[in-house]
Amino acid sequence: MGILLTGDGAAAAATGGGMVMILYIVVIVAFMYFIMIRPQKKEQKRMAAMLAEMSVGDCVLTTSGFYGIVIDITEDTIIVEFGSNKNCRIPMQKSAVAQIEKADAE
């Protein structure tokens, strides 16, 4: 009778250990979500809102480090004028904009 009780106790301990392992996995996945995935989604939403508010005449900083003035906006691209030379107008993707300074903020 003692052997049967020992066997049942070992099976119960193994099941309890499995539950602890599942709990650790759930905690690790939740930690990764709050540390890695959630901030990235917030940043994507912020960038999308910033690009949606962009208008003609705004000063933009591109991802390559150039400052320019927005001349024209289409669905996916913008035309940016760089420097004091009025002939330096370059079309670029909206995603190449890193920062926007509104024209009326000055």
Protein backbone atom coordinates (compact mmCIF):
# COMPACT_ATOMS: atom_id res chain seq x y z
CA MET A 1 0.00 0.00 0.00
CA GLY A 2 2.91 2.33 0.73
CA ILE A 3 4.30 1.83 -2.77
CA LEU A 4 1.02 2.90 -4.37
CA LEU A 5 0.90 6.08 -2.32
CA THR A 6 4.45 6.95 -3.26
CA GLY A 7 3.68 6.53 -6.96
CA ASP A 8 0.62 8.78 -6.77
CA GLY A 9 2.58 11.44 -4.90
CA ALA A 10 5.28 11.46 -7.55
CA ALA A 11 2.68 11.85 -10.30
CA ALA A 12 1.09 14.73 -8.43
CA ALA A 13 4.48 16.38 -7.95
CA ALA A 14 5.24 16.05 -11.67
CA THR A 15 1.90 17.63 -12.56
CA GLY A 16 2.58 20.48 -10.14
CA GLY A 17 6.01 21.00 -11.69
CA GLY A 18 4.41 21.17 -15.13
CA MET A 19 2.01 23.85 -13.92
CA VAL A 20 4.91 25.89 -12.59
CA MET A 21 6.67 25.59 -15.95
CA ILE A 22 3.54 26.80 -17.77
CA LEU A 23 3.25 29.69 -15.32
CA TYR A 24 6.88 30.69 -16.01
CA ILE A 25 6.26 30.64 -19.77
CA VAL A 26 3.16 32.81 -19.40
CA VAL A 27 5.06 35.30 -17.23
CA ILE A 28 7.95 35.48 -19.73
CA VAL A 29 5.59 36.04 -22.67
CA ALA A 30 3.72 38.77 -20.77
CA PHE A 31 7.03 40.41 -19.82
CA MET A 32 8.20 40.39 -23.45
CA TYR A 33 4.88 41.89 -24.59
CA PHE A 34 5.07 44.81 -22.16
CA ILE A 35 8.80 45.42 -22.68
CA MET A 36 9.17 44.91 -26.43
CA ILE A 37 5.94 44.75 -28.45
CA ARG A 38 3.74 47.34 -26.75
CA PRO A 39 6.25 50.24 -26.92
CA GLN A 40 6.92 49.48 -30.58
CA LYS A 41 3.21 49.67 -31.40
CA LYS A 42 2.91 52.97 -29.50
CA GLU A 43 5.81 54.39 -31.50
CA GLN A 44 4.23 53.27 -34.78
CA LYS A 45 0.96 54.97 -33.83
CA ARG A 46 2.83 58.16 -32.88
CA MET A 47 4.68 58.22 -36.21
CA ALA A 48 1.47 57.59 -38.17
CA ALA A 49 -0.28 60.46 -36.34
CA MET A 50 2.70 62.76 -36.93
CA LEU A 51 2.74 61.99 -40.66
CA ALA A 52 -1.02 62.46 -40.91
CA GLU A 53 -0.73 65.97 -39.40
CA MET A 54 2.04 67.03 -41.80
CA SER A 55 1.13 69.96 -44.03
CA VAL A 56 2.72 72.12 -46.73
CA GLY A 57 5.20 74.61 -45.27
CA ASP A 58 6.26 72.48 -42.32
CA CYS A 59 9.95 72.10 -41.56
CA VAL A 60 10.97 68.43 -41.52
CA LEU A 61 14.04 66.53 -40.40
CA THR A 62 14.71 63.48 -42.55
CA THR A 63 16.15 60.20 -41.33
CA SER A 64 19.40 61.09 -43.13
CA GLY A 65 19.74 64.29 -41.08
CA PHE A 66 18.68 66.96 -43.59
CA TYR A 67 16.31 69.80 -42.71
CA GLY A 68 13.88 70.94 -45.38
CA ILE A 69 10.53 72.57 -46.07
CA VAL A 70 7.58 70.53 -47.37
CA ILE A 71 6.46 71.85 -50.77
CA ASP A 72 3.92 69.22 -51.86
CA ILE A 73 2.27 66.17 -50.28
CA THR A 74 0.82 63.14 -52.08
CA GLU A 75 -0.45 59.88 -50.65
CA ASP A 76 2.92 58.15 -50.20
CA THR A 77 5.49 60.81 -51.07
CA ILE A 78 6.37 64.39 -50.27
CA ILE A 79 8.47 66.94 -52.09
CA VAL A 80 10.97 68.65 -49.81
CA GLU A 81 12.97 71.80 -50.57
CA PHE A 82 16.44 71.82 -49.03
CA GLY A 83 18.63 74.84 -48.24
CA SER A 84 18.32 78.34 -49.62
CA ASN A 85 18.56 77.11 -53.21
CA LYS A 86 14.96 77.09 -54.47
CA ASN A 87 15.85 74.57 -57.19
CA CYS A 88 16.82 71.80 -54.75
CA ARG A 89 13.48 69.98 -54.48
CA ILE A 90 13.63 66.26 -53.82
CA PRO A 91 10.73 63.79 -53.75
CA MET A 92 10.94 61.32 -50.88
CA GLN A 93 8.77 58.82 -49.05
CA LYS A 94 6.79 60.00 -46.04
CA SER A 95 8.45 57.29 -43.96
CA ALA A 96 11.80 59.09 -44.41
CA VAL A 97 10.60 61.92 -42.14
CA ALA A 98 11.90 61.61 -38.59
CA GLN A 99 10.60 64.86 -37.04
CA ILE A 100 8.22 67.68 -37.98
CA GLU A 101 8.28 71.28 -36.79
CA LYS A 102 5.07 73.14 -37.58
CA ALA A 103 5.40 76.36 -39.56
CA ASP A 104 3.11 78.33 -37.21
CA ALA A 105 5.12 77.31 -34.10
CA GLU A 106 7.69 80.07 -34.71
